[in-house]
Amino acid sequence: MLYSLGKRAWRTSYLTEVTEVSDGDVLALPGAPRIISLPGHSPGSIAVHVPVADAVFVGDALTTRHVLTGTVGLQPSPFTDDPALALESLGRLASIGAAWVLPGHGAPWRGSPVDVQEAVRTAARDAAGA
């Protein structure tokens, strides 16, 4: 608690500006991150590909550790608005050259984004059959 007080944690810093991004945008940031639209999980879901880091940040488009069950491995994220669309949109990662897929929940996954959609599709089928 003392640490928080020392960092002025009682004060909330509100956003003063929001910048919308779109599919294909390249951000004016180090590493030139590129936006990839991944609809389905929630409105405006995106991934951010950072070539210099050899990684794609996918947020809640998928998970490697289920937040409710603790199941590990590539799988669909729970609480998804449109699961079929979310699964289909993962195919957009197939053209990305990255060695790391970084989800919002769970450990980083090392492998080709080409394999992501089928792995998540298989996990969804397995979970439905369980």
C-alpha atoms as a PDB file:
ATOM      1  CA  MET A   1       0.000   0.000   0.000  1.00  0.00           C
ATOM      2  CA  LEU A   2       2.845   2.394   0.770  1.00  0.00           C
ATOM      3  CA  TYR A   3       4.244   1.699  -2.668  1.00  0.00           C
ATOM      4  CA  SER A   4       0.914   2.695  -4.236  1.00  0.00           C
ATOM      5  CA  LEU A   5       0.755   5.876  -2.204  1.00  0.00           C
ATOM      6  CA  GLY A   6       4.294   6.738  -3.230  1.00  0.00           C
ATOM      7  CA  LYS A   7       3.273   6.358  -6.875  1.00  0.00           C
ATOM      8  CA  ARG A   8       0.162   8.547  -6.403  1.00  0.00           C
ATOM      9  CA  ALA A   9      -2.110   5.558  -7.097  1.00  0.00           C
ATOM     10  CA  TRP A  10      -5.087   7.348  -5.554  1.00  0.00           C
ATOM     11  CA  ARG A  11      -5.203   9.643  -8.578  1.00  0.00           C
ATOM     12  CA  THR A  12      -6.856   8.416 -11.724  1.00  0.00           C
ATOM     13  CA  SER A  13      -5.368   9.515 -15.016  1.00  0.00           C
ATOM     14  CA  TYR A  14      -8.062   9.722 -17.650  1.00  0.00           C
ATOM     15  CA  LEU A  15      -7.504   9.384 -21.367  1.00  0.00           C
ATOM     16  CA  THR A  16      -7.485  12.732 -23.053  1.00  0.00           C
ATOM     17  CA  GLU A  17      -7.263  11.509 -26.643  1.00  0.00           C
ATOM     18  CA  VAL A  18      -8.229   8.376 -28.551  1.00  0.00           C
ATOM     19  CA  THR A  19      -6.855   7.595 -31.982  1.00  0.00           C
ATOM     20  CA  GLU A  20      -8.808   5.104 -34.057  1.00  0.00           C
ATOM     21  CA  VAL A  21      -6.876   2.594 -36.134  1.00  0.00           C
ATOM     22  CA  SER A  22      -7.943   0.548 -39.143  1.00  0.00           C
ATOM     23  CA  ASP A  23      -6.888  -2.638 -40.843  1.00  0.00           C
ATOM     24  CA  GLY A  24      -3.568  -2.151 -42.613  1.00  0.00           C
ATOM     25  CA  ASP A  25      -2.555   0.993 -40.723  1.00  0.00           C
ATOM     26  CA  VAL A  26       1.139   1.209 -39.916  1.00  0.00           C
ATOM     27  CA  LEU A  27       1.653   3.104 -36.686  1.00  0.00           C
ATOM     28  CA  ALA A  28       4.252   5.849 -36.453  1.00  0.00           C
ATOM     29  CA  LEU A  29       6.047   4.031 -33.630  1.00  0.00           C
ATOM     30  CA  PRO A  30       9.388   2.242 -33.381  1.00  0.00           C
ATOM     31  CA  GLY A  31       9.213  -1.055 -35.242  1.00  0.00           C
ATOM     32  CA  ALA A  32       6.389   0.161 -37.512  1.00  0.00           C
ATOM     33  CA  PRO A  33       3.606  -1.975 -35.973  1.00  0.00           C
ATOM     34  CA  ARG A  34       0.837  -2.878 -38.422  1.00  0.00           C
ATOM     35  CA  ILE A  35      -2.843  -3.236 -37.523  1.00  0.00           C
ATOM     36  CA  ILE A  36      -4.715  -6.388 -38.555  1.00  0.00           C
ATOM     37  CA  SER A  37      -8.479  -6.435 -38.142  1.00  0.00           C
ATOM     38  CA  LEU A  38      -9.667  -9.564 -36.285  1.00  0.00           C
ATOM     39  CA  PRO A  39     -13.429  -9.197 -35.935  1.00  0.00           C
ATOM     40  CA  GLY A  40     -15.462 -11.548 -33.804  1.00  0.00           C
ATOM     41  CA  HIS A  41     -14.276 -11.377 -30.217  1.00  0.00           C
ATOM     42  CA  SER A  42     -15.630  -7.882 -29.749  1.00  0.00           C
ATOM     43  CA  PRO A  43     -16.331  -4.847 -31.920  1.00  0.00           C
ATOM     44  CA  GLY A  44     -13.081  -3.425 -33.236  1.00  0.00           C
ATOM     45  CA  SER A  45     -10.894  -6.398 -32.277  1.00  0.00           C
ATOM     46  CA  ILE A  46      -7.429  -6.126 -33.775  1.00  0.00           C
ATOM     47  CA  ALA A  47      -4.024  -7.731 -33.766  1.00  0.00           C
ATOM     48  CA  VAL A  48      -0.801  -5.742 -33.904  1.00  0.00           C
ATOM     49  CA  HIS A  49       2.079  -7.184 -35.920  1.00  0.00           C
ATOM     50  CA  VAL A  50       5.517  -5.901 -34.927  1.00  0.00           C
ATOM     51  CA  PRO A  51       7.977  -7.257 -37.490  1.00  0.00           C
ATOM     52  CA  VAL A  52      11.078  -6.080 -35.627  1.00  0.00           C
ATOM     53  CA  ALA A  53       9.947  -8.126 -32.591  1.00  0.00           C
ATOM     54  CA  ASP A  54       9.020 -11.103 -34.797  1.00  0.00           C
ATOM     55  CA  ALA A  55       5.670 -11.104 -32.989  1.00  0.00           C
ATOM     56  CA  VAL A  56       1.959 -10.527 -33.404  1.00  0.00           C
ATOM     57  CA  PHE A  57      -0.082  -9.363 -30.423  1.00  0.00           C
ATOM     58  CA  VAL A  58      -3.572 -10.858 -30.750  1.00  0.00           C
ATOM     59  CA  GLY A  59      -5.232  -9.649 -27.555  1.00  0.00           C
ATOM     60  CA  ASP A  60      -8.378 -11.660 -26.870  1.00  0.00           C
ATOM     61  CA  ALA A  61      -8.680 -13.111 -30.384  1.00  0.00           C
ATOM     62  CA  LEU A  62      -7.444 -16.367 -28.846  1.00  0.00           C
ATOM     63  CA  THR A  63      -5.957 -17.568 -25.593  1.00  0.00           C
ATOM     64  CA  THR A  64      -3.298 -20.021 -24.505  1.00  0.00           C
ATOM     65  CA  ARG A  65      -4.754 -20.359 -21.008  1.00  0.00           C
ATOM     66  CA  HIS A  66      -8.501 -20.414 -20.507  1.00  0.00           C
ATOM     67  CA  VAL A  67      -9.378 -17.807 -17.879  1.00  0.00           C
ATOM     68  CA  LEU A  68     -12.090 -19.995 -16.304  1.00  0.00           C
ATOM     69  CA  THR A  69     -10.791 -23.562 -16.586  1.00  0.00           C
ATOM     70  CA  GLY A  70      -7.022 -23.074 -16.685  1.00  0.00           C
ATOM     71  CA  THR A  71      -6.782 -25.293 -19.776  1.00  0.00           C
ATOM     72  CA  VAL A  72      -3.551 -24.494 -21.626  1.00  0.00           C
ATOM     73  CA  GLY A  73      -2.817 -24.448 -25.343  1.00  0.00           C
ATOM     74  CA  LEU A  74      -4.123 -22.457 -28.294  1.00  0.00           C
ATOM     75  CA  GLN A  75      -7.907 -22.169 -27.985  1.00  0.00           C
ATOM     76  CA  PRO A  76     -10.788 -19.776 -28.582  1.00  0.00           C
ATOM     77  CA  SER A  77     -11.250 -17.011 -26.047  1.00  0.00           C
ATOM     78  CA  PRO A  78     -14.330 -17.293 -23.876  1.00  0.00           C
ATOM     79  CA  PHE A  79     -16.862 -14.472 -23.800  1.00  0.00           C
ATOM     80  CA  THR A  80     -16.644 -13.901 -27.552  1.00  0.00           C
ATOM     81  CA  ASP A  81     -19.436 -11.971 -29.304  1.00  0.00           C
ATOM     82  CA  ASP A  82     -19.378 -14.016 -32.518  1.00  0.00           C
ATOM     83  CA  PRO A  83     -17.337 -17.231 -32.102  1.00  0.00           C
ATOM     84  CA  ALA A  84     -17.674 -18.310 -35.745  1.00  0.00           C
ATOM     85  CA  LEU A  85     -16.492 -14.925 -37.032  1.00  0.00           C
ATOM     86  CA  ALA A  86     -13.669 -14.826 -34.464  1.00  0.00           C
ATOM     87  CA  LEU A  87     -12.447 -18.239 -35.590  1.00  0.00           C
ATOM     88  CA  GLU A  88     -12.702 -17.297 -39.256  1.00  0.00           C
ATOM     89  CA  SER A  89     -10.802 -14.047 -38.729  1.00  0.00           C
ATOM     90  CA  LEU A  90      -7.801 -15.947 -37.318  1.00  0.00           C
ATOM     91  CA  GLY A  91      -7.116 -16.960 -40.910  1.00  0.00           C
ATOM     92  CA  ARG A  92      -5.960 -13.383 -41.476  1.00  0.00           C
ATOM     93  CA  LEU A  93      -2.861 -14.221 -39.421  1.00  0.00           C
ATOM     94  CA  ALA A  94      -1.677 -16.780 -42.003  1.00  0.00           C
ATOM     95  CA  SER A  95       0.068 -14.089 -44.052  1.00  0.00           C
ATOM     96  CA  ILE A  96       2.006 -12.736 -41.074  1.00  0.00           C
ATOM     97  CA  GLY A  97       5.688 -13.501 -40.795  1.00  0.00           C
ATOM     98  CA  ALA A  98       6.167 -13.874 -37.047  1.00  0.00           C
ATOM     99  CA  ALA A  99       7.607 -16.504 -34.731  1.00  0.00           C
ATOM    100  CA  TRP A 100       5.619 -15.411 -31.682  1.00  0.00           C
ATOM    101  CA  VAL A 101       1.869 -15.127 -31.130  1.00  0.00           C
ATOM    102  CA  LEU A 102       1.142 -13.134 -27.977  1.00  0.00           C
ATOM    103  CA  PRO A 103      -2.382 -13.500 -26.563  1.00  0.00           C
ATOM    104  CA  GLY A 104      -4.004 -11.303 -23.947  1.00  0.00           C
ATOM    105  CA  HIS A 105      -4.313 -14.308 -21.621  1.00  0.00           C
ATOM    106  CA  GLY A 106      -1.821 -17.135 -21.294  1.00  0.00           C
ATOM    107  CA  ALA A 107       1.756 -17.712 -22.277  1.00  0.00           C
ATOM    108  CA  PRO A 108       3.279 -16.576 -25.562  1.00  0.00           C
ATOM    109  CA  TRP A 109       3.020 -19.206 -28.279  1.00  0.00           C
ATOM    110  CA  ARG A 110       6.011 -19.895 -30.489  1.00  0.00           C
ATOM    111  CA  GLY A 111       5.113 -21.143 -33.928  1.00  0.00           C
ATOM    112  CA  SER A 112       3.898 -20.020 -37.292  1.00  0.00           C
ATOM    113  CA  PRO A 113       0.731 -17.895 -37.424  1.00  0.00           C
ATOM    114  CA  VAL A 114      -0.180 -20.117 -40.397  1.00  0.00           C
ATOM    115  CA  ASP A 115      -0.975 -22.871 -37.872  1.00  0.00           C
ATOM    116  CA  VAL A 116      -3.019 -20.757 -35.448  1.00  0.00           C
ATOM    117  CA  GLN A 117      -6.452 -20.971 -37.063  1.00  0.00           C
ATOM    118  CA  GLU A 118      -6.441 -24.761 -37.412  1.00  0.00           C
ATOM    119  CA  ALA A 119      -5.099 -25.276 -33.879  1.00  0.00           C
ATOM    120  CA  VAL A 120      -7.827 -23.057 -32.408  1.00  0.00           C
ATOM    121  CA  ARG A 121     -10.462 -24.706 -34.617  1.00  0.00           C
ATOM    122  CA  THR A 122      -9.352 -28.145 -33.362  1.00  0.00           C
ATOM    123  CA  ALA A 123      -9.441 -26.982 -29.732  1.00  0.00           C
ATOM    124  CA  ALA A 124     -12.970 -25.601 -30.248  1.00  0.00           C
ATOM    125  CA  ARG A 125     -14.134 -28.948 -31.730  1.00  0.00           C
ATOM    126  CA  ASP A 126     -12.501 -30.889 -28.892  1.00  0.00           C
ATOM    127  CA  ALA A 127     -14.107 -28.649 -26.268  1.00  0.00           C
ATOM    128  CA  ALA A 128     -17.527 -28.998 -27.906  1.00  0.00           C
ATOM    129  CA  GLY A 129     -17.199 -32.785 -27.903  1.00  0.00           C
ATOM    130  CA  ALA A 130     -16.127 -32.961 -24.262  1.00  0.00           C
END
